[in-house]
Amino acid sequence: MITTALTFDELSTLMKQAAGVTVDARELEKAPDAPFTTLGLDSLGLLGIVGELENRYSVALPTDAERCKTPGEFVGLVNNALRTGV
């Protein structure tokens, strides 16, 4: 089981690295229900982030991860998968 959790800061960094989308982590934290599309992140960019996290933590994330619509939903799903190892 992994004891690390995905933070909005880390998600912000991954959005920049994997998708070229610059979003301040504080903005993600203040508006976790803002749609990824309004932040400039499309499904392909989110898929890149999912792949990076799977490689980083050696955990297969649920297929729902790439379908998440908001940062809050994504962080919650990823952290649940990291806690449970599923």
PDB file of N, CA and C in Angstrom:
ATOM      1  N   MET A   1       0.843  -1.176   0.000  1.00  0.00           N
ATOM      2  CA  MET A   1       0.000   0.000   0.000  1.00  0.00           C
ATOM      3  C   MET A   1       0.891   1.243   0.000  1.00  0.00           C
ATOM      4  N   ILE A   2       0.470   2.261  -0.718  1.00  0.00           N
ATOM      5  CA  ILE A   2       1.238   3.490  -0.849  1.00  0.00           C
ATOM      6  C   ILE A   2       0.717   4.511   0.154  1.00  0.00           C
ATOM      7  N   THR A   3       1.637   5.198   0.819  1.00  0.00           N
ATOM      8  CA  THR A   3       1.227   6.170   1.829  1.00  0.00           C
ATOM      9  C   THR A   3       1.183   7.594   1.284  1.00  0.00           C
ATOM     10  N   THR A   4       1.570   7.777   0.045  1.00  0.00           N
ATOM     11  CA  THR A   4       1.567   9.093  -0.572  1.00  0.00           C
ATOM     12  C   THR A   4       0.196   9.376  -1.165  1.00  0.00           C
ATOM     13  N   ALA A   5      -0.209  10.633  -1.128  1.00  0.00           N
ATOM     14  CA  ALA A   5      -1.482  11.042  -1.720  1.00  0.00           C
ATOM     15  C   ALA A   5      -1.211  12.102  -2.780  1.00  0.00           C
ATOM     16  N   LEU A   6      -2.018  12.106  -3.814  1.00  0.00           N
ATOM     17  CA  LEU A   6      -1.932  13.117  -4.856  1.00  0.00           C
ATOM     18  C   LEU A   6      -2.470  14.427  -4.302  1.00  0.00           C
ATOM     19  N   THR A   7      -1.710  15.488  -4.458  1.00  0.00           N
ATOM     20  CA  THR A   7      -2.132  16.810  -4.006  1.00  0.00           C
ATOM     21  C   THR A   7      -2.492  17.668  -5.221  1.00  0.00           C
ATOM     22  N   PHE A   8      -3.164  18.767  -4.974  1.00  0.00           N
ATOM     23  CA  PHE A   8      -3.469  19.684  -6.065  1.00  0.00           C
ATOM     24  C   PHE A   8      -2.189  20.292  -6.628  1.00  0.00           C
ATOM     25  N   ASP A   9      -1.188  20.465  -5.784  1.00  0.00           N
ATOM     26  CA  ASP A   9       0.097  20.976  -6.242  1.00  0.00           C
ATOM     27  C   ASP A   9       0.730  20.009  -7.232  1.00  0.00           C
ATOM     28  N   GLU A  10       0.709  18.723  -6.887  1.00  0.00           N
ATOM     29  CA  GLU A  10       1.274  17.713  -7.782  1.00  0.00           C
ATOM     30  C   GLU A  10       0.455  17.616  -9.070  1.00  0.00           C
ATOM     31  N   LEU A  11      -0.867  17.694  -8.949  1.00  0.00           N
ATOM     32  CA  LEU A  11      -1.709  17.656 -10.145  1.00  0.00           C
ATOM     33  C   LEU A  11      -1.397  18.836 -11.051  1.00  0.00           C
ATOM     34  N   SER A  12      -1.207  20.003 -10.477  1.00  0.00           N
ATOM     35  CA  SER A  12      -0.860  21.182 -11.260  1.00  0.00           C
ATOM     36  C   SER A  12       0.447  20.961 -12.029  1.00  0.00           C
ATOM     37  N   THR A  13       1.424  20.385 -11.348  1.00  0.00           N
ATOM     38  CA  THR A  13       2.714  20.091 -11.989  1.00  0.00           C
ATOM     39  C   THR A  13       2.538  19.076 -13.111  1.00  0.00           C
ATOM     40  N   LEU A  14       1.754  18.051 -12.867  1.00  0.00           N
ATOM     41  CA  LEU A  14       1.518  17.028 -13.888  1.00  0.00           C
ATOM     42  C   LEU A  14       0.764  17.597 -15.086  1.00  0.00           C
ATOM     43  N   MET A  15      -0.162  18.511 -14.844  1.00  0.00           N
ATOM     44  CA  MET A  15      -0.890  19.139 -15.941  1.00  0.00           C
ATOM     45  C   MET A  15       0.077  19.894 -16.846  1.00  0.00           C
ATOM     46  N   LYS A  16       1.055  20.545 -16.250  1.00  0.00           N
ATOM     47  CA  LYS A  16       2.059  21.279 -17.019  1.00  0.00           C
ATOM     48  C   LYS A  16       2.965  20.313 -17.783  1.00  0.00           C
ATOM     49  N   GLN A  17       3.467  19.278 -17.094  1.00  0.00           N
ATOM     50  CA  GLN A  17       4.407  18.343 -17.707  1.00  0.00           C
ATOM     51  C   GLN A  17       3.766  17.469 -18.778  1.00  0.00           C
ATOM     52  N   ALA A  18       2.604  16.903 -18.483  1.00  0.00           N
ATOM     53  CA  ALA A  18       2.001  15.917 -19.374  1.00  0.00           C
ATOM     54  C   ALA A  18       1.135  16.532 -20.466  1.00  0.00           C
ATOM     55  N   ALA A  19       0.587  17.723 -20.199  1.00  0.00           N
ATOM     56  CA  ALA A  19      -0.359  18.291 -21.149  1.00  0.00           C
ATOM     57  C   ALA A  19      -0.027  19.719 -21.573  1.00  0.00           C
ATOM     58  N   GLY A  20       0.986  20.316 -20.967  1.00  0.00           N
ATOM     59  CA  GLY A  20       1.351  21.673 -21.331  1.00  0.00           C
ATOM     60  C   GLY A  20       0.356  22.721 -20.861  1.00  0.00           C
ATOM     61  N   VAL A  21      -0.441  22.383 -19.840  1.00  0.00           N
ATOM     62  CA  VAL A  21      -1.460  23.289 -19.317  1.00  0.00           C
ATOM     63  C   VAL A  21      -0.971  23.854 -17.992  1.00  0.00           C
ATOM     64  N   THR A  22      -0.864  25.166 -17.923  1.00  0.00           N
ATOM     65  CA  THR A  22      -0.404  25.814 -16.709  1.00  0.00           C
ATOM     66  C   THR A  22      -1.602  26.305 -15.900  1.00  0.00           C
ATOM     67  N   VAL A  23      -1.749  25.722 -14.717  1.00  0.00           N
ATOM     68  CA  VAL A  23      -2.815  26.114 -13.795  1.00  0.00           C
ATOM     69  C   VAL A  23      -2.208  26.183 -12.406  1.00  0.00           C
ATOM     70  N   ASP A  24      -2.457  27.266 -11.708  1.00  0.00           N
ATOM     71  CA  ASP A  24      -1.947  27.428 -10.359  1.00  0.00           C
ATOM     72  C   ASP A  24      -2.626  26.419  -9.434  1.00  0.00           C
ATOM     73  N   ALA A  25      -1.853  25.767  -8.602  1.00  0.00           N
ATOM     74  CA  ALA A  25      -2.380  24.763  -7.675  1.00  0.00           C
ATOM     75  C   ALA A  25      -3.432  25.368  -6.746  1.00  0.00           C
ATOM     76  N   ARG A  26      -3.249  26.629  -6.374  1.00  0.00           N
ATOM     77  CA  ARG A  26      -4.236  27.290  -5.499  1.00  0.00           C
ATOM     78  C   ARG A  26      -5.582  27.426  -6.191  1.00  0.00           C
ATOM     79  N   GLU A  27      -5.545  27.635  -7.508  1.00  0.00           N
ATOM     80  CA  GLU A  27      -6.783  27.721  -8.284  1.00  0.00           C
ATOM     81  C   GLU A  27      -7.512  26.375  -8.269  1.00  0.00           C
ATOM     82  N   LEU A  28      -6.757  25.292  -8.412  1.00  0.00           N
ATOM     83  CA  LEU A  28      -7.352  23.955  -8.364  1.00  0.00           C
ATOM     84  C   LEU A  28      -7.954  23.684  -6.993  1.00  0.00           C
ATOM     85  N   GLU A  29      -7.249  24.107  -5.973  1.00  0.00           N
ATOM     86  CA  GLU A  29      -7.705  23.866  -4.604  1.00  0.00           C
ATOM     87  C   GLU A  29      -8.944  24.697  -4.266  1.00  0.00           C
ATOM     88  N   LYS A  30      -8.986  25.920  -4.776  1.00  0.00           N
ATOM     89  CA  LYS A  30     -10.123  26.801  -4.502  1.00  0.00           C
ATOM     90  C   LYS A  30     -11.378  26.395  -5.267  1.00  0.00           C
ATOM     91  N   ALA A  31     -11.169  25.807  -6.449  1.00  0.00           N
ATOM     92  CA  ALA A  31     -12.310  25.427  -7.298  1.00  0.00           C
ATOM     93  C   ALA A  31     -12.137  23.984  -7.779  1.00  0.00           C
ATOM     94  N   PRO A  32     -12.202  23.024  -6.850  1.00  0.00           N
ATOM     95  CA  PRO A  32     -11.976  21.632  -7.239  1.00  0.00           C
ATOM     96  C   PRO A  32     -13.060  21.067  -8.159  1.00  0.00           C
ATOM     97  N   ASP A  33     -14.197  21.754  -8.248  1.00  0.00           N
ATOM     98  CA  ASP A  33     -15.283  21.282  -9.101  1.00  0.00           C
ATOM     99  C   ASP A  33     -15.311  21.969 -10.467  1.00  0.00           C
ATOM    100  N   ALA A  34     -14.287  22.781 -10.757  1.00  0.00           N
ATOM    101  CA  ALA A  34     -14.202  23.423 -12.069  1.00  0.00           C
ATOM    102  C   ALA A  34     -13.887  22.351 -13.113  1.00  0.00           C
ATOM    103  N   PRO A  35     -14.634  22.314 -14.200  1.00  0.00           N
ATOM    104  CA  PRO A  35     -14.375  21.298 -15.220  1.00  0.00           C
ATOM    105  C   PRO A  35     -12.963  21.415 -15.803  1.00  0.00           C
ATOM    106  N   PHE A  36     -12.347  20.267 -16.036  1.00  0.00           N
ATOM    107  CA  PHE A  36     -11.018  20.265 -16.651  1.00  0.00           C
ATOM    108  C   PHE A  36     -11.031  21.029 -17.967  1.00  0.00           C
ATOM    109  N   THR A  37     -12.121  20.932 -18.721  1.00  0.00           N
ATOM    110  CA  THR A  37     -12.176  21.604 -20.022  1.00  0.00           C
ATOM    111  C   THR A  37     -12.029  23.117 -19.885  1.00  0.00           C
ATOM    112  N   THR A  38     -12.582  23.706 -18.804  1.00  0.00           N
ATOM    113  CA  THR A  38     -12.440  25.154 -18.624  1.00  0.00           C
ATOM    114  C   THR A  38     -11.021  25.521 -18.197  1.00  0.00           C
ATOM    115  N   LEU A  39     -10.285  24.537 -17.692  1.00  0.00           N
ATOM    116  CA  LEU A  39      -8.895  24.762 -17.294  1.00  0.00           C
ATOM    117  C   LEU A  39      -7.930  24.528 -18.455  1.00  0.00           C
ATOM    118  N   GLY A  40      -8.468  24.042 -19.586  1.00  0.00           N
ATOM    119  CA  GLY A  40      -7.645  23.805 -20.767  1.00  0.00           C
ATOM    120  C   GLY A  40      -7.117  22.388 -20.895  1.00  0.00           C
ATOM    121  N   LEU A  41      -7.589  21.478 -20.050  1.00  0.00           N
ATOM    122  CA  LEU A  41      -7.122  20.088 -20.090  1.00  0.00           C
ATOM    123  C   LEU A  41      -8.160  19.225 -20.793  1.00  0.00           C
ATOM    124  N   ASP A  42      -7.728  18.550 -21.860  1.00  0.00           N
ATOM    125  CA  ASP A  42      -8.644  17.662 -22.571  1.00  0.00           C
ATOM    126  C   ASP A  42      -8.419  16.212 -22.142  1.00  0.00           C
ATOM    127  N   SER A  43      -9.197  15.311 -22.706  1.00  0.00           N
ATOM    128  CA  SER A  43      -9.130  13.901 -22.303  1.00  0.00           C
ATOM    129  C   SER A  43      -7.780  13.272 -22.603  1.00  0.00           C
ATOM    130  N   LEU A  44      -7.146  13.680 -23.671  1.00  0.00           N
ATOM    131  CA  LEU A  44      -5.820  13.150 -24.002  1.00  0.00           C
ATOM    132  C   LEU A  44      -4.780  13.592 -22.973  1.00  0.00           C
ATOM    133  N   GLY A  45      -4.870  14.833 -22.530  1.00  0.00           N
ATOM    134  CA  GLY A  45      -3.971  15.323 -21.491  1.00  0.00           C
ATOM    135  C   GLY A  45      -4.175  14.589 -20.181  1.00  0.00           C
ATOM    136  N   LEU A  46      -5.442  14.327 -19.845  1.00  0.00           N
ATOM    137  CA  LEU A  46      -5.741  13.598 -18.618  1.00  0.00           C
ATOM    138  C   LEU A  46      -5.229  12.166 -18.711  1.00  0.00           C
ATOM    139  N   LEU A  47      -5.329  11.577 -19.881  1.00  0.00           N
ATOM    140  CA  LEU A  47      -4.805  10.226 -20.086  1.00  0.00           C
ATOM    141  C   LEU A  47      -3.297  10.196 -19.858  1.00  0.00           C
ATOM    142  N   GLY A  48      -2.598  11.238 -20.302  1.00  0.00           N
ATOM    143  CA  GLY A  48      -1.161  11.339 -20.057  1.00  0.00           C
ATOM    144  C   GLY A  48      -0.836  11.429 -18.576  1.00  0.00           C
ATOM    145  N   ILE A  49      -1.645  12.150 -17.833  1.00  0.00           N
ATOM    146  CA  ILE A  49      -1.454  12.272 -16.384  1.00  0.00           C
ATOM    147  C   ILE A  49      -1.703  10.930 -15.708  1.00  0.00           C
ATOM    148  N   VAL A  50      -2.752  10.225 -16.127  1.00  0.00           N
ATOM    149  CA  VAL A  50      -3.049   8.897 -15.580  1.00  0.00           C
ATOM    150  C   VAL A  50      -1.865   7.968 -15.813  1.00  0.00           C
ATOM    151  N   GLY A  51      -1.326   7.971 -17.022  1.00  0.00           N
ATOM    152  CA  GLY A  51      -0.178   7.126 -17.340  1.00  0.00           C
ATOM    153  C   GLY A  51       1.037   7.456 -16.491  1.00  0.00           C
ATOM    154  N   GLU A  52       1.287   8.733 -16.294  1.00  0.00           N
ATOM    155  CA  GLU A  52       2.419   9.156 -15.467  1.00  0.00           C
ATOM    156  C   GLU A  52       2.250   8.680 -14.029  1.00  0.00           C
ATOM    157  N   LEU A  53       1.054   8.828 -13.488  1.00  0.00           N
ATOM    158  CA  LEU A  53       0.804   8.392 -12.112  1.00  0.00           C
ATOM    159  C   LEU A  53       0.910   6.875 -11.975  1.00  0.00           C
ATOM    160  N   GLU A  54       0.425   6.145 -12.973  1.00  0.00           N
ATOM    161  CA  GLU A  54       0.536   4.686 -12.930  1.00  0.00           C
ATOM    162  C   GLU A  54       1.995   4.254 -12.941  1.00  0.00           C
ATOM    163  N   ASN A  55       2.798   4.919 -13.745  1.00  0.00           N
ATOM    164  CA  ASN A  55       4.236   4.607 -13.775  1.00  0.00           C
ATOM    165  C   ASN A  55       4.918   4.999 -12.472  1.00  0.00           C
ATOM    166  N   ARG A  56       4.585   6.143 -11.959  1.00  0.00           N
ATOM    167  CA  ARG A  56       5.211   6.665 -10.750  1.00  0.00           C
ATOM    168  C   ARG A  56       4.928   5.790  -9.533  1.00  0.00           C
ATOM    169  N   TYR A  57       3.678   5.352  -9.391  1.00  0.00           N
ATOM    170  CA  TYR A  57       3.284   4.609  -8.205  1.00  0.00           C
ATOM    171  C   TYR A  57       3.154   3.101  -8.426  1.00  0.00           C
ATOM    172  N   SER A  58       3.391   2.656  -9.651  1.00  0.00           N
ATOM    173  CA  SER A  58       3.268   1.229  -9.991  1.00  0.00           C
ATOM    174  C   SER A  58       1.917   0.664  -9.578  1.00  0.00           C
ATOM    175  N   VAL A  59       0.878   1.432  -9.823  1.00  0.00           N
ATOM    176  CA  VAL A  59      -0.493   1.034  -9.521  1.00  0.00           C
ATOM    177  C   VAL A  59      -1.339   1.333 -10.747  1.00  0.00           C
ATOM    178  N   ALA A  60      -2.154   0.365 -11.149  1.00  0.00           N
ATOM    179  CA  ALA A  60      -3.093   0.607 -12.244  1.00  0.00           C
ATOM    180  C   ALA A  60      -4.287   1.367 -11.680  1.00  0.00           C
ATOM    181  N   LEU A  61      -4.514   2.551 -12.208  1.00  0.00           N
ATOM    182  CA  LEU A  61      -5.655   3.343 -11.758  1.00  0.00           C
ATOM    183  C   LEU A  61      -6.927   2.835 -12.422  1.00  0.00           C
ATOM    184  N   PRO A  62      -8.074   3.014 -11.779  1.00  0.00           N
ATOM    185  CA  PRO A  62      -9.338   2.584 -12.386  1.00  0.00           C
ATOM    186  C   PRO A  62      -9.567   3.294 -13.717  1.00  0.00           C
ATOM    187  N   THR A  63     -10.272   2.639 -14.613  1.00  0.00           N
ATOM    188  CA  THR A  63     -10.546   3.263 -15.913  1.00  0.00           C
ATOM    189  C   THR A  63     -11.348   4.543 -15.763  1.00  0.00           C
ATOM    190  N   ASP A  64     -12.043   4.694 -14.644  1.00  0.00           N
ATOM    191  CA  ASP A  64     -12.792   5.927 -14.390  1.00  0.00           C
ATOM    192  C   ASP A  64     -11.869   7.135 -14.266  1.00  0.00           C
ATOM    193  N   ALA A  65     -10.605   6.928 -13.961  1.00  0.00           N
ATOM    194  CA  ALA A  65      -9.676   8.041 -13.754  1.00  0.00           C
ATOM    195  C   ALA A  65      -9.580   8.916 -14.993  1.00  0.00           C
ATOM    196  N   GLU A  66      -9.531   8.301 -16.145  1.00  0.00           N
ATOM    197  CA  GLU A  66      -9.395   9.093 -17.368  1.00  0.00           C
ATOM    198  C   GLU A  66     -10.712   9.728 -17.806  1.00  0.00           C
ATOM    199  N   ARG A  67     -11.777   9.421 -17.106  1.00  0.00           N
ATOM    200  CA  ARG A  67     -13.087  10.003 -17.416  1.00  0.00           C
ATOM    201  C   ARG A  67     -13.498  11.080 -16.420  1.00  0.00           C
ATOM    202  N   CYS A  68     -12.676  11.343 -15.439  1.00  0.00           N
ATOM    203  CA  CYS A  68     -12.997  12.367 -14.443  1.00  0.00           C
ATOM    204  C   CYS A  68     -13.171  13.718 -15.120  1.00  0.00           C
ATOM    205  N   LYS A  69     -14.100  14.475 -14.607  1.00  0.00           N
ATOM    206  CA  LYS A  69     -14.416  15.779 -15.209  1.00  0.00           C
ATOM    207  C   LYS A  69     -13.829  16.958 -14.459  1.00  0.00           C
ATOM    208  N   THR A  70     -13.442  16.760 -13.185  1.00  0.00           N
ATOM    209  CA  THR A  70     -12.944  17.869 -12.373  1.00  0.00           C
ATOM    210  C   THR A  70     -11.703  17.455 -11.589  1.00  0.00           C
ATOM    211  N   PRO A  71     -10.906  18.423 -11.185  1.00  0.00           N
ATOM    212  CA  PRO A  71      -9.730  18.113 -10.369  1.00  0.00           C
ATOM    213  C   PRO A  71     -10.086  17.417  -9.054  1.00  0.00           C
ATOM    214  N   GLY A  72     -11.149  17.864  -8.391  1.00  0.00           N
ATOM    215  CA  GLY A  72     -11.541  17.255  -7.128  1.00  0.00           C
ATOM    216  C   GLY A  72     -11.919  15.793  -7.290  1.00  0.00           C
ATOM    217  N   GLU A  73     -12.678  15.507  -8.328  1.00  0.00           N
ATOM    218  CA  GLU A  73     -13.078  14.128  -8.612  1.00  0.00           C
ATOM    219  C   GLU A  73     -11.849  13.272  -8.907  1.00  0.00           C
ATOM    220  N   PHE A  74     -10.926  13.811  -9.694  1.00  0.00           N
ATOM    221  CA  PHE A  74      -9.725  13.075 -10.081  1.00  0.00           C
ATOM    222  C   PHE A  74      -8.835  12.802  -8.871  1.00  0.00           C
ATOM    223  N   VAL A  75      -8.570  13.824  -8.074  1.00  0.00           N
ATOM    224  CA  VAL A  75      -7.715  13.656  -6.889  1.00  0.00           C
ATOM    225  C   VAL A  75      -8.337  12.643  -5.933  1.00  0.00           C
ATOM    226  N   GLY A  76      -9.640  12.723  -5.721  1.00  0.00           N
ATOM    227  CA  GLY A  76     -10.315  11.775  -4.842  1.00  0.00           C
ATOM    228  C   GLY A  76     -10.201  10.345  -5.344  1.00  0.00           C
ATOM    229  N   LEU A  77     -10.433  10.143  -6.631  1.00  0.00           N
ATOM    230  CA  LEU A  77     -10.368   8.801  -7.198  1.00  0.00           C
ATOM    231  C   LEU A  77      -8.948   8.244  -7.125  1.00  0.00           C
ATOM    232  N   VAL A  78      -7.969   9.064  -7.498  1.00  0.00           N
ATOM    233  CA  VAL A  78      -6.570   8.615  -7.457  1.00  0.00           C
ATOM    234  C   VAL A  78      -6.155   8.280  -6.030  1.00  0.00           C
ATOM    235  N   ASN A  79      -6.474   9.138  -5.090  1.00  0.00           N
ATOM    236  CA  ASN A  79      -6.080   8.890  -3.699  1.00  0.00           C
ATOM    237  C   ASN A  79      -6.754   7.647  -3.134  1.00  0.00           C
ATOM    238  N   ASN A  80      -7.989   7.410  -3.518  1.00  0.00           N
ATOM    239  CA  ASN A  80      -8.666   6.200  -3.079  1.00  0.00           C
ATOM    240  C   ASN A  80      -7.962   4.977  -3.659  1.00  0.00           C
ATOM    241  N   ALA A  81      -7.583   5.031  -4.922  1.00  0.00           N
ATOM    242  CA  ALA A  81      -6.868   3.915  -5.551  1.00  0.00           C
ATOM    243  C   ALA A  81      -5.512   3.697  -4.910  1.00  0.00           C
ATOM    244  N   LEU A  82      -4.815   4.779  -4.554  1.00  0.00           N
ATOM    245  CA  LEU A  82      -3.507   4.634  -3.910  1.00  0.00           C
ATOM    246  C   LEU A  82      -3.637   4.034  -2.512  1.00  0.00           C
ATOM    247  N   ARG A  83      -4.685   4.429  -1.791  1.00  0.00           N
ATOM    248  CA  ARG A  83      -4.911   3.889  -0.441  1.00  0.00           C
ATOM    249  C   ARG A  83      -5.259   2.405  -0.481  1.00  0.00           C
ATOM    250  N   THR A  84      -6.122   2.037  -1.422  1.00  0.00           N
ATOM    251  CA  THR A  84      -6.615   0.661  -1.442  1.00  0.00           C
ATOM    252  C   THR A  84      -5.775  -0.251  -2.331  1.00  0.00           C
ATOM    253  N   GLY A  85      -4.952   0.351  -3.206  1.00  0.00           N
ATOM    254  CA  GLY A  85      -4.150  -0.453  -4.116  1.00  0.00           C
ATOM    255  C   GLY A  85      -4.960  -1.023  -5.263  1.00  0.00           C
ATOM    256  N   VAL A  86      -6.157  -0.461  -5.488  1.00  0.00           N
ATOM    257  CA  VAL A  86      -7.022  -0.942  -6.576  1.00  0.00           C
ATOM    258  C   VAL A  86      -7.168   0.137  -7.607  1.00  0.00           C
TER     259      VAL A  86
END
